[in-house]
């Protein structure tokens, strides 16, 4: 004799109950109070901003989510070179004469009137399960053009894309550039 259990437990209620049980079991896994493992959430980016008419560029290094704490951020700065965006950068001739760093931070920011400027960025992230290093080398120059200014950008870092030119205006900037995942997470 075959019984119809649908009279005692209609299938929509069984499905809803099963989903509720799964959510109760998985909630501690889905909501973590610690740092996430290295990956998409911990990716670091460099943001470049400049206001038309002001002689100052602003740089921000942080996670796209703004909630990731990095073990350290190091920025080498080279500004004593000649480049206007019209020729390739001589990367081997750059003198990283200024280094700025900060540890245990959500972001790192600075402003400068140096033009052109090159940045050598290393970001180190660590969690209890693993670590990651994000990096990139960049050059930026601001040049006048009819009707405004243009920001030239270049990089020799594999896996990092920068636009060659970006108009200096509120619709084009800030410019967000994802840093490359470096060799297994380690301090520079």
N, C-alpha and C. Protein backbone atom coordinates (compact mmCIF):
# COMPACT_ATOMS: atom_id res chain seq x y z
N UNK A 1 0.83 -1.15 0.00
CA UNK A 1 0.00 0.00 0.00
C UNK A 1 0.89 1.24 0.00
N UNK A 2 0.56 2.11 -0.88
CA UNK A 2 1.34 3.31 -1.07
C UNK A 2 0.60 4.49 -0.44
N UNK A 3 1.36 5.30 0.34
CA UNK A 3 0.73 6.45 0.99
C UNK A 3 1.14 7.74 0.30
N UNK A 4 0.31 8.70 0.33
CA UNK A 4 0.59 10.02 -0.20
C UNK A 4 0.99 10.93 0.96
N UNK A 5 2.31 11.23 1.07
CA UNK A 5 2.81 12.05 2.16
C UNK A 5 2.54 13.54 1.90
N UNK A 6 2.11 13.88 0.73
CA UNK A 6 1.82 15.27 0.41
C UNK A 6 0.73 15.86 1.28
N UNK A 7 -0.14 15.04 1.81
CA UNK A 7 -1.20 15.55 2.68
C UNK A 7 -0.63 16.02 4.00
N UNK A 8 0.45 15.39 4.45
CA UNK A 8 1.05 15.75 5.74
C UNK A 8 2.15 16.83 5.61
N UNK A 9 2.85 16.84 4.47
CA UNK A 9 3.94 17.80 4.26
C UNK A 9 3.92 18.28 2.81
N UNK A 10 3.15 19.34 2.53
CA UNK A 10 3.12 19.86 1.16
C UNK A 10 4.53 20.26 0.70
N UNK A 11 4.85 19.98 -0.56
CA UNK A 11 6.22 20.19 -1.06
C UNK A 11 6.72 21.64 -0.94
N UNK A 12 5.91 22.68 -1.10
CA UNK A 12 6.46 24.02 -0.89
C UNK A 12 6.97 24.23 0.54
N UNK A 13 6.27 23.67 1.51
CA UNK A 13 6.72 23.82 2.90
C UNK A 13 7.98 23.01 3.16
N UNK A 14 8.10 21.85 2.56
CA UNK A 14 9.30 21.03 2.73
C UNK A 14 10.50 21.76 2.13
N UNK A 15 10.34 22.35 0.96
CA UNK A 15 11.44 23.09 0.33
C UNK A 15 11.86 24.29 1.16
N UNK A 16 10.88 25.03 1.68
CA UNK A 16 11.20 26.19 2.50
C UNK A 16 11.90 25.77 3.79
N UNK A 17 11.46 24.69 4.38
CA UNK A 17 12.09 24.19 5.61
C UNK A 17 13.52 23.74 5.34
N UNK A 18 13.74 23.06 4.22
CA UNK A 18 15.09 22.61 3.87
C UNK A 18 16.02 23.81 3.64
N UNK A 19 15.53 24.83 2.97
CA UNK A 19 16.32 26.04 2.75
C UNK A 19 16.64 26.73 4.06
N UNK A 20 15.69 26.81 4.97
CA UNK A 20 15.91 27.42 6.27
C UNK A 20 16.97 26.65 7.07
N UNK A 21 16.90 25.34 7.06
CA UNK A 21 17.89 24.53 7.76
C UNK A 21 19.28 24.76 7.16
N UNK A 22 19.38 24.79 5.83
CA UNK A 22 20.67 25.03 5.18
C UNK A 22 21.23 26.39 5.56
N UNK A 23 20.41 27.42 5.59
CA UNK A 23 20.87 28.76 5.97
C UNK A 23 21.33 28.81 7.43
N UNK A 24 20.62 28.12 8.31
CA UNK A 24 21.01 28.10 9.72
C UNK A 24 22.37 27.42 9.89
N UNK A 25 22.58 26.36 9.15
CA UNK A 25 23.85 25.63 9.25
C UNK A 25 25.00 26.42 8.63
N UNK A 26 24.76 27.10 7.49
CA UNK A 26 25.82 27.78 6.77
C UNK A 26 26.08 29.22 7.22
N UNK A 27 25.21 29.83 7.98
CA UNK A 27 25.36 31.24 8.36
C UNK A 27 26.71 31.53 9.02
N UNK A 28 27.20 30.74 9.95
CA UNK A 28 28.52 31.05 10.52
C UNK A 28 29.63 31.04 9.47
N UNK A 29 29.49 30.27 8.42
CA UNK A 29 30.50 30.22 7.37
C UNK A 29 30.37 31.43 6.45
N UNK A 30 29.16 31.87 6.18
CA UNK A 30 28.93 32.98 5.27
C UNK A 30 29.27 34.33 5.89
N UNK A 31 29.13 34.45 7.20
CA UNK A 31 29.42 35.71 7.89
C UNK A 31 30.66 35.49 8.74
N UNK A 32 31.77 35.99 8.27
CA UNK A 32 33.02 35.82 8.96
C UNK A 32 33.44 37.12 9.62
N UNK A 33 33.97 37.03 10.82
CA UNK A 33 34.44 38.23 11.48
C UNK A 33 35.93 38.46 11.24
N UNK A 34 36.61 37.52 10.61
CA UNK A 34 38.04 37.65 10.36
C UNK A 34 38.33 38.11 8.95
N UNK A 35 39.62 38.24 8.64
CA UNK A 35 40.06 38.63 7.31
C UNK A 35 39.79 37.50 6.32
N UNK A 36 39.38 37.82 5.09
CA UNK A 36 39.16 36.77 4.09
C UNK A 36 40.50 36.24 3.58
N UNK A 37 40.46 35.05 3.00
CA UNK A 37 41.66 34.51 2.37
C UNK A 37 42.01 35.38 1.17
N UNK A 38 43.29 35.44 0.77
CA UNK A 38 43.67 36.26 -0.38
C UNK A 38 42.88 35.86 -1.62
N UNK A 39 42.49 36.83 -2.39
CA UNK A 39 41.72 36.58 -3.60
C UNK A 39 41.09 37.85 -4.10
N UNK A 40 39.95 37.73 -4.75
CA UNK A 40 39.28 38.88 -5.35
C UNK A 40 38.95 39.94 -4.31
N UNK A 41 38.53 39.54 -3.11
CA UNK A 41 38.17 40.52 -2.09
C UNK A 41 39.35 41.34 -1.60
N UNK A 42 40.55 40.76 -1.63
CA UNK A 42 41.72 41.46 -1.10
C UNK A 42 42.51 42.19 -2.18
N UNK A 43 42.09 42.11 -3.42
CA UNK A 43 42.78 42.76 -4.54
C UNK A 43 43.05 44.23 -4.21
N UNK A 44 44.22 44.72 -4.54
CA UNK A 44 44.58 46.11 -4.28
C UNK A 44 44.50 46.91 -5.57
N UNK A 45 44.16 48.20 -5.45
CA UNK A 45 44.11 49.07 -6.61
C UNK A 45 44.76 50.41 -6.30
N UNK A 46 45.27 51.01 -7.35
CA UNK A 46 45.82 52.37 -7.29
C UNK A 46 44.82 53.28 -7.97
N UNK A 47 44.40 54.33 -7.28
CA UNK A 47 43.51 55.32 -7.88
C UNK A 47 44.29 56.62 -8.06
N UNK A 48 44.15 57.18 -9.25
CA UNK A 48 44.84 58.42 -9.60
C UNK A 48 43.77 59.49 -9.84
N UNK A 49 43.97 60.64 -9.22
CA UNK A 49 42.99 61.72 -9.38
C UNK A 49 43.73 63.05 -9.53
N UNK A 50 43.12 63.92 -10.29
CA UNK A 50 43.66 65.27 -10.49
C UNK A 50 42.49 66.18 -10.86
N UNK A 51 42.50 67.38 -10.34
CA UNK A 51 41.46 68.35 -10.65
C UNK A 51 42.04 69.33 -11.67
N UNK A 52 41.29 69.56 -12.74
CA UNK A 52 41.72 70.48 -13.79
C UNK A 52 42.04 71.85 -13.19
N UNK A 53 43.19 72.37 -13.52
CA UNK A 53 43.59 73.69 -13.05
C UNK A 53 44.42 73.68 -11.78
N UNK A 54 44.42 72.57 -11.05
CA UNK A 54 45.26 72.47 -9.85
C UNK A 54 46.55 71.74 -10.21
N UNK A 55 47.63 72.14 -9.60
CA UNK A 55 48.93 71.56 -9.92
C UNK A 55 49.27 70.45 -8.93
N UNK A 56 48.34 69.49 -8.74
CA UNK A 56 48.57 68.45 -7.76
C UNK A 56 47.83 67.18 -8.17
N UNK A 57 48.54 66.06 -8.13
CA UNK A 57 47.93 64.75 -8.39
C UNK A 57 47.78 64.03 -7.06
N UNK A 58 46.67 63.30 -6.92
CA UNK A 58 46.38 62.54 -5.70
C UNK A 58 46.42 61.06 -6.03
N UNK A 59 47.01 60.27 -5.13
CA UNK A 59 47.12 58.83 -5.31
C UNK A 59 46.56 58.13 -4.09
N UNK A 60 45.75 57.10 -4.33
CA UNK A 60 45.12 56.32 -3.27
C UNK A 60 45.39 54.85 -3.56
N UNK A 61 45.85 54.12 -2.56
CA UNK A 61 46.07 52.68 -2.71
C UNK A 61 45.18 52.01 -1.67
N UNK A 62 44.28 51.15 -2.14
CA UNK A 62 43.32 50.49 -1.25
C UNK A 62 42.64 49.36 -1.97
N UNK A 63 41.82 48.63 -1.22
CA UNK A 63 41.02 47.55 -1.81
C UNK A 63 39.78 48.17 -2.44
N UNK A 64 39.29 47.61 -3.54
CA UNK A 64 38.06 48.15 -4.13
C UNK A 64 36.90 48.17 -3.14
N UNK A 65 36.88 47.24 -2.17
CA UNK A 65 35.79 47.19 -1.20
C UNK A 65 35.98 48.18 -0.05
N UNK A 66 37.17 48.74 0.11
CA UNK A 66 37.51 49.70 1.15
C UNK A 66 37.49 49.12 2.56
N UNK A 67 37.37 47.80 2.72
CA UNK A 67 37.29 47.22 4.05
C UNK A 67 38.39 46.19 4.33
N UNK A 68 39.39 46.11 3.51
CA UNK A 68 40.46 45.15 3.69
C UNK A 68 41.64 45.85 4.39
N UNK A 69 42.15 45.23 5.44
CA UNK A 69 43.31 45.77 6.14
C UNK A 69 44.56 45.06 5.62
N UNK A 70 45.52 45.88 5.16
CA UNK A 70 46.76 45.34 4.62
C UNK A 70 47.85 45.35 5.69
N UNK A 71 48.71 44.32 5.66
CA UNK A 71 49.83 44.27 6.59
C UNK A 71 50.82 45.39 6.29
N UNK A 72 50.97 45.75 5.02
CA UNK A 72 51.87 46.83 4.66
C UNK A 72 51.67 47.32 3.25
N UNK A 73 51.90 48.61 3.04
CA UNK A 73 51.87 49.22 1.71
C UNK A 73 53.15 50.03 1.58
N UNK A 74 53.92 49.76 0.51
CA UNK A 74 55.17 50.46 0.25
C UNK A 74 55.08 51.14 -1.11
N UNK A 75 55.50 52.39 -1.18
CA UNK A 75 55.47 53.14 -2.43
C UNK A 75 56.83 53.81 -2.65
N UNK A 76 57.50 53.41 -3.73
CA UNK A 76 58.72 54.08 -4.14
C UNK A 76 58.35 55.18 -5.13
N UNK A 77 58.97 56.34 -5.00
CA UNK A 77 58.63 57.48 -5.84
C UNK A 77 59.87 57.95 -6.58
N UNK A 78 59.75 58.07 -7.89
CA UNK A 78 60.81 58.65 -8.72
C UNK A 78 60.22 59.85 -9.44
N UNK A 79 60.88 60.98 -9.29
CA UNK A 79 60.35 62.19 -9.94
C UNK A 79 61.41 62.98 -10.69
N UNK A 80 62.61 62.50 -10.67
CA UNK A 80 63.70 63.25 -11.32
C UNK A 80 64.03 62.64 -12.69
N UNK A 81 63.01 62.56 -13.55
CA UNK A 81 63.22 62.03 -14.90
C UNK A 81 62.39 62.85 -15.88
N UNK A 82 62.70 62.70 -17.15
CA UNK A 82 62.01 63.47 -18.18
C UNK A 82 61.11 62.53 -18.98
N UNK A 83 59.81 62.84 -19.00
CA UNK A 83 58.86 62.04 -19.77
C UNK A 83 57.59 62.86 -19.93
N UNK A 84 57.07 62.89 -21.15
CA UNK A 84 55.83 63.64 -21.39
C UNK A 84 54.75 62.80 -22.05
N UNK A 85 54.92 61.48 -22.06
CA UNK A 85 53.92 60.60 -22.64
C UNK A 85 54.10 60.32 -24.10
N UNK A 86 55.00 61.05 -24.78
CA UNK A 86 55.14 60.87 -26.23
C UNK A 86 56.17 59.80 -26.61
N UNK A 87 56.93 59.33 -25.67
CA UNK A 87 57.93 58.29 -25.94
C UNK A 87 57.88 57.27 -24.82
N UNK A 88 58.50 56.10 -24.99
CA UNK A 88 58.50 55.10 -23.91
C UNK A 88 59.31 55.58 -22.71
N UNK A 89 58.92 55.09 -21.55
CA UNK A 89 59.65 55.41 -20.31
C UNK A 89 60.89 54.53 -20.24
N UNK A 90 62.01 55.10 -19.85
CA UNK A 90 63.22 54.32 -19.61
C UNK A 90 63.17 53.83 -18.16
N UNK A 91 62.54 52.68 -17.95
CA UNK A 91 62.28 52.17 -16.61
C UNK A 91 63.55 51.89 -15.82
N UNK A 92 64.61 51.47 -16.50
CA UNK A 92 65.84 51.13 -15.79
C UNK A 92 66.59 52.36 -15.29
N UNK A 93 66.26 53.53 -15.79
CA UNK A 93 66.97 54.74 -15.34
C UNK A 93 66.28 55.43 -14.17
N UNK A 94 65.13 54.92 -13.74
CA UNK A 94 64.41 55.58 -12.65
C UNK A 94 65.15 55.40 -11.32
N UNK A 95 65.22 56.47 -10.56
CA UNK A 95 65.88 56.45 -9.27
C UNK A 95 64.80 56.55 -8.19
N UNK A 96 64.55 55.43 -7.51
CA UNK A 96 63.52 55.39 -6.48
C UNK A 96 64.10 56.02 -5.21
N UNK A 97 64.22 57.34 -5.22
CA UNK A 97 64.92 58.04 -4.15
C UNK A 97 64.04 58.34 -2.93
N UNK A 98 62.74 58.19 -3.04
CA UNK A 98 61.84 58.43 -1.91
C UNK A 98 60.98 57.19 -1.72
N UNK A 99 60.92 56.71 -0.49
CA UNK A 99 60.05 55.57 -0.16
C UNK A 99 59.12 55.98 0.96
N UNK A 100 57.86 55.67 0.78
CA UNK A 100 56.85 55.90 1.83
C UNK A 100 56.21 54.56 2.12
N UNK A 101 55.90 54.33 3.37
CA UNK A 101 55.24 53.07 3.70
C UNK A 101 54.36 53.25 4.93
N UNK A 102 53.49 52.29 5.08
CA UNK A 102 52.60 52.27 6.23
C UNK A 102 52.22 50.82 6.47
N UNK A 103 52.03 50.46 7.73
CA UNK A 103 51.67 49.08 8.06
C UNK A 103 50.33 49.04 8.79
N UNK A 104 49.66 47.90 8.64
CA UNK A 104 48.38 47.65 9.30
C UNK A 104 47.37 48.76 8.98
N UNK A 105 47.12 48.95 7.66
CA UNK A 105 46.27 50.05 7.21
C UNK A 105 45.20 49.58 6.22
N UNK A 106 44.14 50.36 6.13
CA UNK A 106 43.09 50.12 5.14
C UNK A 106 43.44 50.77 3.80
N UNK A 107 44.18 51.88 3.85
CA UNK A 107 44.54 52.58 2.62
C UNK A 107 45.79 53.41 2.85
N UNK A 108 46.35 53.87 1.74
CA UNK A 108 47.52 54.74 1.79
C UNK A 108 47.27 55.82 0.74
N UNK A 109 47.44 57.07 1.11
CA UNK A 109 47.17 58.16 0.18
C UNK A 109 48.21 59.25 0.30
N UNK A 110 48.46 59.90 -0.82
CA UNK A 110 49.36 61.05 -0.80
C UNK A 110 49.09 61.90 -2.03
N UNK A 111 49.53 63.15 -1.95
CA UNK A 111 49.38 64.09 -3.07
C UNK A 111 50.74 64.67 -3.37
N UNK A 112 50.95 65.03 -4.64
CA UNK A 112 52.23 65.61 -5.05
C UNK A 112 52.04 66.53 -6.24
N UNK A 113 52.92 67.50 -6.34
CA UNK A 113 52.93 68.36 -7.52
C UNK A 113 54.02 67.93 -8.49
N UNK A 114 54.77 66.85 -8.16
CA UNK A 114 55.80 66.33 -9.07
C UNK A 114 55.16 65.88 -10.38
N UNK A 115 55.76 66.27 -11.49
CA UNK A 115 55.24 65.90 -12.80
C UNK A 115 56.38 65.90 -13.81
N UNK A 116 56.72 64.78 -14.38
CA UNK A 116 56.12 63.46 -14.25
C UNK A 116 56.50 62.80 -12.93
N UNK A 117 55.81 61.71 -12.64
CA UNK A 117 56.08 60.94 -11.43
C UNK A 117 55.97 59.46 -11.76
N UNK A 118 56.82 58.65 -11.14
CA UNK A 118 56.75 57.20 -11.29
C UNK A 118 56.55 56.60 -9.91
N UNK A 119 55.74 55.55 -9.83
CA UNK A 119 55.44 54.89 -8.57
C UNK A 119 55.78 53.41 -8.67
N UNK A 120 56.39 52.89 -7.63
CA UNK A 120 56.70 51.47 -7.50
C UNK A 120 55.92 51.00 -6.28
N UNK A 121 54.77 50.33 -6.50
CA UNK A 121 53.82 50.02 -5.44
C UNK A 121 53.88 48.54 -5.08
N UNK A 122 53.96 48.25 -3.79
CA UNK A 122 53.86 46.88 -3.29
C UNK A 122 52.89 46.89 -2.12
N UNK A 123 51.92 45.99 -2.17
CA UNK A 123 50.92 45.86 -1.12
C UNK A 123 50.97 44.42 -0.62
N UNK A 124 51.09 44.27 0.69
CA UNK A 124 51.18 42.94 1.29
C UNK A 124 49.95 42.68 2.14
N UNK A 125 49.29 41.55 1.88
CA UNK A 125 48.10 41.16 2.61
C UNK A 125 48.34 39.81 3.27
N UNK A 126 47.90 39.67 4.49
CA UNK A 126 48.02 38.37 5.15
C UNK A 126 46.76 38.07 5.95
N UNK A 127 46.43 36.80 6.01
CA UNK A 127 45.31 36.31 6.81
C UNK A 127 45.80 35.05 7.52
N UNK A 128 45.03 34.51 8.44
CA UNK A 128 45.48 33.29 9.11
C UNK A 128 45.72 32.12 8.14
N UNK A 129 45.07 32.14 6.99
CA UNK A 129 45.20 31.00 6.08
C UNK A 129 46.24 31.18 4.98
N UNK A 130 46.59 32.41 4.62
CA UNK A 130 47.53 32.62 3.51
C UNK A 130 47.91 34.10 3.42
N UNK A 131 48.75 34.42 2.46
CA UNK A 131 49.15 35.81 2.23
C UNK A 131 49.26 36.06 0.73
N UNK A 132 49.28 37.33 0.37
CA UNK A 132 49.39 37.70 -1.05
C UNK A 132 50.12 39.03 -1.17
N UNK A 133 50.83 39.18 -2.28
CA UNK A 133 51.52 40.43 -2.60
C UNK A 133 50.94 40.97 -3.90
N UNK A 134 50.56 42.24 -3.91
CA UNK A 134 50.05 42.91 -5.10
C UNK A 134 51.05 44.00 -5.45
N UNK A 135 51.32 44.17 -6.75
CA UNK A 135 52.36 45.12 -7.13
C UNK A 135 52.11 45.76 -8.48
N UNK A 136 52.86 46.83 -8.72
CA UNK A 136 52.80 47.52 -10.00
C UNK A 136 53.79 48.67 -10.03
N UNK A 137 54.32 48.93 -11.21
CA UNK A 137 55.20 50.08 -11.44
C UNK A 137 54.51 50.94 -12.50
N UNK A 138 54.45 52.25 -12.25
CA UNK A 138 53.68 53.15 -13.10
C UNK A 138 54.43 54.45 -13.31
N UNK A 139 54.14 55.11 -14.43
CA UNK A 139 54.60 56.48 -14.68
C UNK A 139 53.38 57.30 -15.10
N UNK A 140 53.31 58.54 -14.60
CA UNK A 140 52.22 59.44 -14.92
C UNK A 140 52.79 60.82 -15.26
N UNK A 141 52.19 61.45 -16.26
CA UNK A 141 52.57 62.81 -16.62
C UNK A 141 51.31 63.55 -17.05
N UNK A 142 51.21 64.80 -16.68
CA UNK A 142 50.08 65.63 -17.07
C UNK A 142 50.59 66.68 -18.05
N UNK A 143 49.94 66.74 -19.20
CA UNK A 143 50.37 67.67 -20.26
C UNK A 143 49.17 68.51 -20.71
N UNK A 144 49.42 69.77 -21.07
CA UNK A 144 48.33 70.60 -21.58
C UNK A 144 47.95 70.17 -23.00
N UNK A 145 46.68 70.27 -23.28
CA UNK A 145 46.13 70.04 -24.63
C UNK A 145 45.11 71.15 -24.87
N UNK A 146 44.76 71.39 -26.12
CA UNK A 146 43.75 72.43 -26.36
C UNK A 146 42.47 72.14 -25.57
N UNK A 147 42.07 73.07 -24.76
CA UNK A 147 40.84 72.92 -23.99
C UNK A 147 41.02 72.24 -22.64
N UNK A 148 42.24 71.94 -22.22
CA UNK A 148 42.41 71.31 -20.91
C UNK A 148 43.75 70.63 -20.72
N UNK A 149 43.70 69.50 -20.06
CA UNK A 149 44.89 68.71 -19.77
C UNK A 149 44.60 67.24 -20.03
N UNK A 150 45.68 66.45 -20.22
CA UNK A 150 45.54 65.01 -20.39
C UNK A 150 46.55 64.33 -19.45
N UNK A 151 46.13 63.21 -18.88
CA UNK A 151 46.99 62.41 -18.01
C UNK A 151 47.53 61.25 -18.83
N UNK A 152 48.86 61.18 -18.98
CA UNK A 152 49.50 60.05 -19.65
C UNK A 152 49.87 59.03 -18.58
N UNK A 153 49.70 57.75 -18.91
CA UNK A 153 50.04 56.68 -17.98
C UNK A 153 50.75 55.56 -18.73
N UNK A 154 51.69 54.92 -18.05
CA UNK A 154 52.43 53.80 -18.64
C UNK A 154 52.81 52.84 -17.51
N UNK A 155 52.99 51.56 -17.86
CA UNK A 155 53.43 50.56 -16.90
C UNK A 155 54.18 49.45 -17.62
N UNK A 156 55.24 48.90 -16.98
CA UNK A 156 55.90 47.72 -17.53
C UNK A 156 55.44 46.44 -16.83
N UNK A 157 54.49 46.56 -15.89
CA UNK A 157 54.07 45.43 -15.07
C UNK A 157 53.15 44.50 -15.86
N UNK A 158 53.57 43.23 -16.04
CA UNK A 158 52.71 42.28 -16.75
C UNK A 158 51.38 42.08 -16.01
N UNK A 159 50.31 42.01 -16.77
CA UNK A 159 48.99 41.79 -16.18
C UNK A 159 48.29 43.04 -15.70
N UNK A 160 48.91 44.20 -15.85
CA UNK A 160 48.29 45.46 -15.43
C UNK A 160 48.03 46.29 -16.68
N UNK A 161 46.81 46.81 -16.76
CA UNK A 161 46.43 47.63 -17.91
C UNK A 161 46.20 49.06 -17.47
N UNK A 162 46.78 49.99 -18.20
CA UNK A 162 46.53 51.41 -17.97
C UNK A 162 46.18 52.06 -19.30
N UNK A 163 45.26 53.02 -19.29
CA UNK A 163 44.99 53.73 -20.54
C UNK A 163 46.17 54.64 -20.85
N UNK A 164 46.52 54.76 -22.11
CA UNK A 164 47.63 55.63 -22.49
C UNK A 164 47.37 57.08 -22.15
N UNK A 165 46.16 57.55 -22.44
CA UNK A 165 45.79 58.94 -22.14
C UNK A 165 44.39 58.98 -21.54
N UNK A 166 44.21 59.90 -20.62
CA UNK A 166 42.92 60.12 -19.98
C UNK A 166 42.72 61.62 -19.83
N UNK A 167 41.60 62.16 -20.30
CA UNK A 167 41.35 63.59 -20.09
C UNK A 167 41.26 63.90 -18.60
N UNK A 168 41.80 65.04 -18.21
CA UNK A 168 41.71 65.48 -16.82
C UNK A 168 40.38 66.21 -16.67
N UNK A 169 39.36 65.48 -16.28
CA UNK A 169 38.04 66.06 -16.01
C UNK A 169 37.28 65.14 -15.07
N UNK A 170 36.18 65.62 -14.55
CA UNK A 170 35.41 64.87 -13.55
C UNK A 170 34.74 63.63 -14.11
N UNK A 171 34.56 63.54 -15.42
CA UNK A 171 33.92 62.35 -15.97
C UNK A 171 34.93 61.23 -16.25
N UNK A 172 36.22 61.53 -16.29
CA UNK A 172 37.25 60.53 -16.59
C UNK A 172 38.07 60.11 -15.37
N UNK A 173 38.16 60.96 -14.39
CA UNK A 173 38.95 60.68 -13.20
C UNK A 173 38.05 60.64 -11.98
N UNK A 174 38.37 59.90 -10.95
CA UNK A 174 39.62 59.19 -10.74
C UNK A 174 39.74 57.95 -11.61
N UNK A 175 40.98 57.58 -11.85
CA UNK A 175 41.33 56.42 -12.65
C UNK A 175 41.74 55.28 -11.72
N UNK A 176 41.02 54.16 -11.76
CA UNK A 176 41.31 53.01 -10.89
C UNK A 176 42.08 51.96 -11.68
N UNK A 177 43.23 51.54 -11.13
CA UNK A 177 44.09 50.55 -11.79
C UNK A 177 44.31 49.39 -10.82
N UNK A 178 43.92 48.18 -11.20
CA UNK A 178 44.15 47.01 -10.36
C UNK A 178 45.61 46.61 -10.40
N UNK A 179 46.19 46.35 -9.25
CA UNK A 179 47.58 45.90 -9.17
C UNK A 179 47.64 44.41 -9.52
N UNK A 180 48.81 43.96 -9.94
CA UNK A 180 49.01 42.56 -10.31
C UNK A 180 49.31 41.73 -9.07
N UNK A 181 48.89 40.47 -9.11
CA UNK A 181 49.23 39.54 -8.05
C UNK A 181 50.70 39.15 -8.24
N UNK A 182 51.50 39.40 -7.24
CA UNK A 182 52.93 39.13 -7.33
C UNK A 182 53.26 37.70 -6.95
N UNK A 183 54.55 37.39 -6.90
CA UNK A 183 54.96 36.05 -6.48
C UNK A 183 54.49 35.79 -5.07
N UNK A 184 54.36 34.54 -4.69
CA UNK A 184 53.76 34.14 -3.42
C UNK A 184 53.97 35.19 -2.34
N UNK A 185 52.91 35.43 -1.61
CA UNK A 185 52.90 36.51 -0.65
C UNK A 185 54.13 36.59 0.23
N UNK A 186 54.85 37.67 0.11
CA UNK A 186 55.99 37.93 0.98
C UNK A 186 56.27 39.41 1.02
N UNK A 187 56.94 39.82 2.07
CA UNK A 187 57.29 41.23 2.21
C UNK A 187 58.33 41.63 1.19
N UNK A 188 58.33 42.90 0.74
CA UNK A 188 59.32 43.33 -0.24
C UNK A 188 60.71 43.40 0.39
